[in-house]
Amino acid sequence: MASNNAADKGASIDQAVTATLLPEGYRPSADEEFMNPLQLEYFRRKLMDWRAELLNEANQTLENLSTESLHKPDQMDRAQIESSAALDLRTRDRERKLIQKIESALRRIEDGSYGYCEDTDEQISLERLEARPIASMTLQAQERHEKMERIHRDD
C-alpha cells in the first residue's frame, strides 16, 4: 500500500511540476516552501540542461574521434592523437557516471524525494543543491559517509 501512496505522490508532483512555468530569473529561496513546484521545476530544468550539455560533449568527442586520423606519418603526431583520445575517453567515462547521477536526481524529482537526504530524510540545503543538484545527502551525512568509506577502505 505504501508503494501506491508513493506512486500517487510522485504522479501528483510530476503533474504539478509539468504544469509549472518558471518566472524569468527565478531562483529558489529559503523564504518559500521547500521543494514547492517552482523549486522542483527549477532543479529539473537545471539537471536537464546539464545532462544535455554532457551528452552534446560526448557526441562531439565521438565525432572528433571518428574524424581524427591515426595515419599520421610521424610517430609523435600519432602518439599525441592517441594520448588526447585516451584522455577524452576517460573524461567521457566520468561524465557517463555523472549522467547516471543526473538521471537518479531526475527520478527523485518525479518520486517526490528530491531535496531530502537519503540517509536522514532531512532537507538538503538549497545552497548545496544549487552547487551540486545531484546531491542526495546533506553535507553532514555526505561527510560521515565519506569518512566511513575511508575507514573501511583502509582496513
C-alpha atoms as a PDB file:
ATOM      1  CA  MET A   1       0.000   0.000   0.000  1.00  0.00           C
ATOM      2  CA  ALA A   2       2.885   2.355   0.773  1.00  0.00           C
ATOM      3  CA  SER A   3       4.227   1.987  -2.745  1.00  0.00           C
ATOM      4  CA  ASN A   4       0.880   3.084  -4.170  1.00  0.00           C
ATOM      5  CA  ASN A   5       0.942   6.171  -1.982  1.00  0.00           C
ATOM      6  CA  ALA A   6       4.493   6.933  -3.114  1.00  0.00           C
ATOM      7  CA  ALA A   7       3.461   6.414  -6.736  1.00  0.00           C
ATOM      8  CA  ASP A   8       0.424   8.662  -6.263  1.00  0.00           C
ATOM      9  CA  LYS A   9       2.596  11.295  -4.597  1.00  0.00           C
ATOM     10  CA  GLY A  10       5.150  11.055  -7.397  1.00  0.00           C
ATOM     11  CA  ALA A  11       2.439  11.324 -10.054  1.00  0.00           C
ATOM     12  CA  SER A  12       0.867  14.370  -8.424  1.00  0.00           C
ATOM     13  CA  ILE A  13       4.266  16.029  -8.041  1.00  0.00           C
ATOM     14  CA  ASP A  14       5.077  15.198 -11.655  1.00  0.00           C
ATOM     15  CA  GLN A  15       1.810  16.775 -12.804  1.00  0.00           C
ATOM     16  CA  ALA A  16       2.431  19.868 -10.667  1.00  0.00           C
ATOM     17  CA  VAL A  17       5.983  20.196 -11.994  1.00  0.00           C
ATOM     18  CA  THR A  18       4.901  19.764 -15.598  1.00  0.00           C
ATOM     19  CA  ALA A  19       2.238  22.430 -15.200  1.00  0.00           C
ATOM     20  CA  THR A  20       4.652  24.869 -13.544  1.00  0.00           C
ATOM     21  CA  LEU A  21       6.113  27.680 -15.576  1.00  0.00           C
ATOM     22  CA  LEU A  22       9.208  29.284 -14.133  1.00  0.00           C
ATOM     23  CA  PRO A  23       9.186  33.059 -13.915  1.00  0.00           C
ATOM     24  CA  GLU A  24      12.103  34.701 -15.723  1.00  0.00           C
ATOM     25  CA  GLY A  25      15.170  34.812 -13.464  1.00  0.00           C
ATOM     26  CA  TYR A  26      13.607  32.616 -10.765  1.00  0.00           C
ATOM     27  CA  ARG A  27      15.973  31.371  -8.043  1.00  0.00           C
ATOM     28  CA  PRO A  28      14.917  29.099  -5.147  1.00  0.00           C
ATOM     29  CA  SER A  29      14.664  30.891  -1.831  1.00  0.00           C
ATOM     30  CA  ALA A  30      14.543  29.773   1.799  1.00  0.00           C
ATOM     31  CA  ASP A  31      11.557  32.122   2.193  1.00  0.00           C
ATOM     32  CA  GLU A  32       9.301  29.761   0.259  1.00  0.00           C
ATOM     33  CA  GLU A  33       8.036  26.245   0.934  1.00  0.00           C
ATOM     34  CA  PHE A  34      10.831  23.718   0.486  1.00  0.00           C
ATOM     35  CA  MET A  35      10.624  21.794  -2.790  1.00  0.00           C
ATOM     36  CA  ASN A  36       7.479  23.532  -3.961  1.00  0.00           C
ATOM     37  CA  PRO A  37       6.577  23.100  -7.653  1.00  0.00           C
ATOM     38  CA  LEU A  38       8.694  26.118  -8.678  1.00  0.00           C
ATOM     39  CA  GLN A  39      11.787  24.768  -6.929  1.00  0.00           C
ATOM     40  CA  LEU A  40      11.250  21.309  -8.367  1.00  0.00           C
ATOM     41  CA  GLU A  41      10.879  22.706 -11.869  1.00  0.00           C
ATOM     42  CA  TYR A  42      13.946  24.910 -11.394  1.00  0.00           C
ATOM     43  CA  PHE A  43      16.113  21.944 -10.401  1.00  0.00           C
ATOM     44  CA  ARG A  44      14.546  19.684 -13.041  1.00  0.00           C
ATOM     45  CA  ARG A  45      15.477  22.172 -15.758  1.00  0.00           C
ATOM     46  CA  LYS A  46      18.942  22.674 -14.291  1.00  0.00           C
ATOM     47  CA  LEU A  47      19.523  18.909 -14.349  1.00  0.00           C
ATOM     48  CA  MET A  48      18.054  18.506 -17.852  1.00  0.00           C
ATOM     49  CA  ASP A  49      20.257  21.312 -19.212  1.00  0.00           C
ATOM     50  CA  TRP A  50      23.335  19.810 -17.551  1.00  0.00           C
ATOM     51  CA  ARG A  51      22.540  16.365 -18.986  1.00  0.00           C
ATOM     52  CA  ALA A  52      22.019  17.828 -22.467  1.00  0.00           C
ATOM     53  CA  GLU A  53      25.357  19.651 -22.258  1.00  0.00           C
ATOM     54  CA  LEU A  54      27.180  16.467 -21.229  1.00  0.00           C
ATOM     55  CA  LEU A  55      25.519  14.431 -23.980  1.00  0.00           C
ATOM     56  CA  ASN A  56      26.409  17.089 -26.531  1.00  0.00           C
ATOM     57  CA  GLU A  57      30.053  16.978 -25.403  1.00  0.00           C
ATOM     58  CA  ALA A  58      30.037  13.182 -25.625  1.00  0.00           C
ATOM     59  CA  ASN A  59      28.670  13.320 -29.168  1.00  0.00           C
ATOM     60  CA  GLN A  60      31.309  15.893 -30.089  1.00  0.00           C
ATOM     61  CA  THR A  61      34.027  13.604 -28.715  1.00  0.00           C
ATOM     62  CA  LEU A  62      32.717  10.674 -30.752  1.00  0.00           C
ATOM     63  CA  GLU A  63      32.654  12.837 -33.840  1.00  0.00           C
ATOM     64  CA  ASN A  64      36.206  14.027 -33.212  1.00  0.00           C
ATOM     65  CA  LEU A  65      37.484  10.513 -32.569  1.00  0.00           C
ATOM     66  CA  SER A  66      35.927   9.224 -35.772  1.00  0.00           C
ATOM     67  CA  THR A  67      37.463  12.014 -37.874  1.00  0.00           C
ATOM     68  CA  GLU A  68      40.924  12.004 -36.249  1.00  0.00           C
ATOM     69  CA  SER A  69      43.322  10.098 -38.375  1.00  0.00           C
ATOM     70  CA  LEU A  70      45.859   7.758 -36.856  1.00  0.00           C
ATOM     71  CA  HIS A  71      47.519   7.507 -40.267  1.00  0.00           C
ATOM     72  CA  LYS A  72      49.914  10.329 -39.496  1.00  0.00           C
ATOM     73  CA  PRO A  73      53.404   9.555 -40.760  1.00  0.00           C
ATOM     74  CA  ASP A  74      55.072  10.991 -37.684  1.00  0.00           C
ATOM     75  CA  GLN A  75      55.118   8.806 -34.568  1.00  0.00           C
ATOM     76  CA  MET A  76      54.980  11.850 -32.293  1.00  0.00           C
ATOM     77  CA  ASP A  77      51.817  13.080 -34.013  1.00  0.00           C
ATOM     78  CA  ARG A  78      50.246   9.625 -33.678  1.00  0.00           C
ATOM     79  CA  ALA A  79      51.238   9.409 -30.016  1.00  0.00           C
ATOM     80  CA  GLN A  80      49.756  12.830 -29.321  1.00  0.00           C
ATOM     81  CA  ILE A  81      46.463  11.887 -31.013  1.00  0.00           C
ATOM     82  CA  GLU A  82      46.275   8.605 -29.073  1.00  0.00           C
ATOM     83  CA  SER A  83      47.087  10.327 -25.775  1.00  0.00           C
ATOM     84  CA  SER A  84      44.479  13.003 -26.400  1.00  0.00           C
ATOM     85  CA  ALA A  85      41.888  10.381 -27.360  1.00  0.00           C
ATOM     86  CA  ALA A  86      42.597   8.379 -24.190  1.00  0.00           C
ATOM     87  CA  LEU A  87      42.160  11.498 -22.057  1.00  0.00           C
ATOM     88  CA  ASP A  88      38.900  12.360 -23.844  1.00  0.00           C
ATOM     89  CA  LEU A  89      37.589   8.842 -23.285  1.00  0.00           C
ATOM     90  CA  ARG A  90      38.438   8.924 -19.556  1.00  0.00           C
ATOM     91  CA  THR A  91      36.699  12.284 -19.264  1.00  0.00           C
ATOM     92  CA  ARG A  92      33.619  10.974 -21.060  1.00  0.00           C
ATOM     93  CA  ASP A  93      33.549   7.922 -18.779  1.00  0.00           C
ATOM     94  CA  ARG A  94      33.449  10.211 -15.737  1.00  0.00           C
ATOM     95  CA  GLU A  95      30.712  12.207 -17.441  1.00  0.00           C
ATOM     96  CA  ARG A  96      28.782   8.991 -18.170  1.00  0.00           C
ATOM     97  CA  LYS A  97      28.766   8.285 -14.439  1.00  0.00           C
ATOM     98  CA  LEU A  98      27.670  11.870 -13.815  1.00  0.00           C
ATOM     99  CA  ILE A  99      24.793  11.440 -16.282  1.00  0.00           C
ATOM    100  CA  GLN A 100      23.668   8.401 -14.276  1.00  0.00           C
ATOM    101  CA  LYS A 101      23.620  10.582 -11.139  1.00  0.00           C
ATOM    102  CA  ILE A 102      21.647  13.251 -13.010  1.00  0.00           C
ATOM    103  CA  GLU A 103      19.134  10.592 -14.106  1.00  0.00           C
ATOM    104  CA  SER A 104      18.845   9.446 -10.491  1.00  0.00           C
ATOM    105  CA  ALA A 105      18.193  13.029  -9.339  1.00  0.00           C
ATOM    106  CA  LEU A 106      15.509  13.428 -12.026  1.00  0.00           C
ATOM    107  CA  ARG A 107      13.860  10.225 -10.780  1.00  0.00           C
ATOM    108  CA  ARG A 108      13.918  11.643  -7.235  1.00  0.00           C
ATOM    109  CA  ILE A 109      12.139  14.755  -8.519  1.00  0.00           C
ATOM    110  CA  GLU A 110       9.495  12.502 -10.071  1.00  0.00           C
ATOM    111  CA  ASP A 111       9.003  10.391  -6.943  1.00  0.00           C
ATOM    112  CA  GLY A 112       8.966  13.338  -4.535  1.00  0.00           C
ATOM    113  CA  SER A 113      12.175  12.531  -2.649  1.00  0.00           C
ATOM    114  CA  TYR A 114      14.399  15.157  -4.302  1.00  0.00           C
ATOM    115  CA  GLY A 115      15.919  17.621  -1.877  1.00  0.00           C
ATOM    116  CA  TYR A 116      15.774  15.240   1.068  1.00  0.00           C
ATOM    117  CA  CYS A 117      18.734  13.287   2.431  1.00  0.00           C
ATOM    118  CA  GLU A 118      18.589   9.592   1.567  1.00  0.00           C
ATOM    119  CA  ASP A 119      20.164   8.760   4.956  1.00  0.00           C
ATOM    120  CA  THR A 120      18.409  11.143   7.367  1.00  0.00           C
ATOM    121  CA  ASP A 121      15.348  12.415   5.443  1.00  0.00           C
ATOM    122  CA  GLU A 122      16.445  15.944   6.398  1.00  0.00           C
ATOM    123  CA  GLN A 123      16.224  18.763   3.881  1.00  0.00           C
ATOM    124  CA  ILE A 124      19.350  19.272   1.813  1.00  0.00           C
ATOM    125  CA  SER A 125      20.168  22.972   1.841  1.00  0.00           C
ATOM    126  CA  LEU A 126      19.223  24.966  -1.238  1.00  0.00           C
ATOM    127  CA  GLU A 127      22.807  26.237  -1.357  1.00  0.00           C
ATOM    128  CA  ARG A 128      24.111  22.668  -1.608  1.00  0.00           C
ATOM    129  CA  LEU A 129      21.535  21.741  -4.249  1.00  0.00           C
ATOM    130  CA  GLU A 130      22.362  24.870  -6.209  1.00  0.00           C
ATOM    131  CA  ALA A 131      26.067  23.986  -6.170  1.00  0.00           C
ATOM    132  CA  ARG A 132      25.526  20.226  -6.665  1.00  0.00           C
ATOM    133  CA  PRO A 133      21.998  19.499  -7.922  1.00  0.00           C
ATOM    134  CA  ILE A 134      22.723  15.759  -7.910  1.00  0.00           C
ATOM    135  CA  ALA A 135      23.308  15.762  -4.136  1.00  0.00           C
ATOM    136  CA  SER A 136      21.364  13.018  -2.394  1.00  0.00           C
ATOM    137  CA  MET A 137      22.652  13.667   1.126  1.00  0.00           C
ATOM    138  CA  THR A 138      23.078  16.621   3.428  1.00  0.00           C
ATOM    139  CA  LEU A 139      26.629  17.850   3.738  1.00  0.00           C
ATOM    140  CA  GLN A 140      26.954  16.302   7.203  1.00  0.00           C
ATOM    141  CA  ALA A 141      25.622  12.930   6.043  1.00  0.00           C
ATOM    142  CA  GLN A 142      27.931  13.007   2.998  1.00  0.00           C
ATOM    143  CA  GLU A 143      30.942  13.745   5.204  1.00  0.00           C
ATOM    144  CA  ARG A 144      30.022  10.840   7.535  1.00  0.00           C
ATOM    145  CA  HIS A 145      29.554   8.577   4.522  1.00  0.00           C
ATOM    146  CA  GLU A 146      32.949   9.522   3.053  1.00  0.00           C
ATOM    147  CA  LYS A 147      34.641   9.111   6.442  1.00  0.00           C
ATOM    148  CA  MET A 148      33.178   5.604   6.781  1.00  0.00           C
ATOM    149  CA  GLU A 149      34.329   4.756   3.246  1.00  0.00           C
ATOM    150  CA  ARG A 150      37.883   5.846   4.102  1.00  0.00           C
ATOM    151  CA  ILE A 151      37.852   3.827   7.336  1.00  0.00           C
ATOM    152  CA  HIS A 152      36.635   0.672   5.592  1.00  0.00           C
ATOM    153  CA  ARG A 153      38.946   1.170   2.618  1.00  0.00           C
ATOM    154  CA  ASP A 154      41.974   1.493   4.923  1.00  0.00           C
ATOM    155  CA  ASP A 155      41.179  -1.772   6.716  1.00  0.00           C
END
